[in-house]
Amino acid sequence: MGDTTGVIYSPPKIGLPFLVVTFADGAIQTQTAASRSEARAMLAGKTRRPPIAAMNGDKPAGVAKQ
């Protein structure tokens, strides 16, 4: 992975997860974190979780349902 930058968004309501958005090599990746410290660890590259769509079992936008 090349140059990576990212940002942590705080949840708008209590009980929702933090959102970690990373930008690397022209791609955008989103991940959720239960706490700010977990989100910071994700940005540091210590913890990787699957993207939100993979966690929910949803297909990415633009994929036809069969």
C-alpha atoms as a PDB file:
ATOM      1  CA  MET A   1       0.000   0.000   0.000  1.00  0.00           C
ATOM      2  CA  GLY A   2       1.357   3.403  -0.910  1.00  0.00           C
ATOM      3  CA  ASP A   3       0.754   6.734   0.772  1.00  0.00           C
ATOM      4  CA  THR A   4      -2.261   6.398   3.075  1.00  0.00           C
ATOM      5  CA  THR A   5      -4.227   9.196   4.682  1.00  0.00           C
ATOM      6  CA  GLY A   6      -7.405   8.940   6.692  1.00  0.00           C
ATOM      7  CA  VAL A   7      -9.922  10.553   8.955  1.00  0.00           C
ATOM      8  CA  ILE A   8     -12.069   9.479  11.917  1.00  0.00           C
ATOM      9  CA  TYR A   9     -15.692  10.620  12.092  1.00  0.00           C
ATOM     10  CA  SER A  10     -17.366  10.630  15.501  1.00  0.00           C
ATOM     11  CA  PRO A  11     -20.810   9.025  15.688  1.00  0.00           C
ATOM     12  CA  PRO A  12     -23.743  11.453  15.374  1.00  0.00           C
ATOM     13  CA  LYS A  13     -25.668   9.591  18.110  1.00  0.00           C
ATOM     14  CA  ILE A  14     -24.678   7.586  21.175  1.00  0.00           C
ATOM     15  CA  GLY A  15     -24.488   3.874  20.427  1.00  0.00           C
ATOM     16  CA  LEU A  16     -23.363   4.228  16.802  1.00  0.00           C
ATOM     17  CA  PRO A  17     -19.817   3.266  15.767  1.00  0.00           C
ATOM     18  CA  PHE A  18     -16.991   5.603  14.797  1.00  0.00           C
ATOM     19  CA  LEU A  19     -16.368   5.723  11.044  1.00  0.00           C
ATOM     20  CA  VAL A  20     -12.796   5.400   9.769  1.00  0.00           C
ATOM     21  CA  VAL A  21     -12.263   6.532   6.161  1.00  0.00           C
ATOM     22  CA  THR A  22      -8.898   5.897   4.522  1.00  0.00           C
ATOM     23  CA  PHE A  23      -7.630   7.130   1.165  1.00  0.00           C
ATOM     24  CA  ALA A  24      -4.827   5.152  -0.474  1.00  0.00           C
ATOM     25  CA  ASP A  25      -3.666   4.668  -4.060  1.00  0.00           C
ATOM     26  CA  GLY A  26      -6.777   6.381  -5.437  1.00  0.00           C
ATOM     27  CA  ALA A  27      -9.169   4.165  -3.464  1.00  0.00           C
ATOM     28  CA  ILE A  28     -11.478   5.010  -0.556  1.00  0.00           C
ATOM     29  CA  GLN A  29     -12.121   2.458   2.185  1.00  0.00           C
ATOM     30  CA  THR A  30     -14.558   2.757   5.084  1.00  0.00           C
ATOM     31  CA  GLN A  31     -14.469   0.797   8.317  1.00  0.00           C
ATOM     32  CA  THR A  32     -16.323   0.993  11.625  1.00  0.00           C
ATOM     33  CA  ALA A  33     -14.773   1.051  15.093  1.00  0.00           C
ATOM     34  CA  ALA A  34     -16.368   0.648  18.505  1.00  0.00           C
ATOM     35  CA  SER A  35     -14.129   3.272  20.129  1.00  0.00           C
ATOM     36  CA  ARG A  36     -11.884   6.186  19.204  1.00  0.00           C
ATOM     37  CA  SER A  37      -8.807   4.227  20.313  1.00  0.00           C
ATOM     38  CA  GLU A  38      -9.751   1.331  18.010  1.00  0.00           C
ATOM     39  CA  ALA A  39     -10.253   3.838  15.168  1.00  0.00           C
ATOM     40  CA  ARG A  40      -6.801   5.330  15.800  1.00  0.00           C
ATOM     41  CA  ALA A  41      -5.273   1.851  15.731  1.00  0.00           C
ATOM     42  CA  MET A  42      -6.935   1.213  12.361  1.00  0.00           C
ATOM     43  CA  LEU A  43      -5.415   4.382  10.948  1.00  0.00           C
ATOM     44  CA  ALA A  44      -2.026   3.296  12.262  1.00  0.00           C
ATOM     45  CA  GLY A  45      -2.424   0.023  10.356  1.00  0.00           C
ATOM     46  CA  LYS A  46      -2.466  -2.156  13.473  1.00  0.00           C
ATOM     47  CA  THR A  47      -6.009  -3.476  13.050  1.00  0.00           C
ATOM     48  CA  ARG A  48      -7.865  -4.191   9.835  1.00  0.00           C
ATOM     49  CA  ARG A  49     -11.555  -5.003   9.614  1.00  0.00           C
ATOM     50  CA  PRO A  50     -13.546  -5.785   6.467  1.00  0.00           C
ATOM     51  CA  PRO A  51     -15.408  -2.912   4.787  1.00  0.00           C
ATOM     52  CA  ILE A  52     -18.934  -2.129   6.016  1.00  0.00           C
ATOM     53  CA  ALA A  53     -20.622  -3.854   3.043  1.00  0.00           C
ATOM     54  CA  ALA A  54     -18.757  -7.101   3.763  1.00  0.00           C
ATOM     55  CA  MET A  55     -19.678  -6.966   7.448  1.00  0.00           C
ATOM     56  CA  ASN A  56     -23.393  -6.592   6.694  1.00  0.00           C
ATOM     57  CA  GLY A  57     -23.390  -9.225   3.959  1.00  0.00           C
ATOM     58  CA  ASP A  58     -24.639  -6.603   1.497  1.00  0.00           C
ATOM     59  CA  LYS A  59     -23.479  -6.443  -2.081  1.00  0.00           C
ATOM     60  CA  PRO A  60     -21.686  -3.263  -3.122  1.00  0.00           C
ATOM     61  CA  ALA A  61     -23.680  -0.670  -5.028  1.00  0.00           C
ATOM     62  CA  GLY A  62     -23.931  -1.419  -8.728  1.00  0.00           C
ATOM     63  CA  VAL A  63     -23.923  -5.206  -8.323  1.00  0.00           C
ATOM     64  CA  ALA A  64     -27.051  -6.815  -9.775  1.00  0.00           C
ATOM     65  CA  LYS A  65     -29.038  -9.091  -7.477  1.00  0.00           C
ATOM     66  CA  GLN A  66     -29.481 -12.621  -8.734  1.00  0.00           C
END
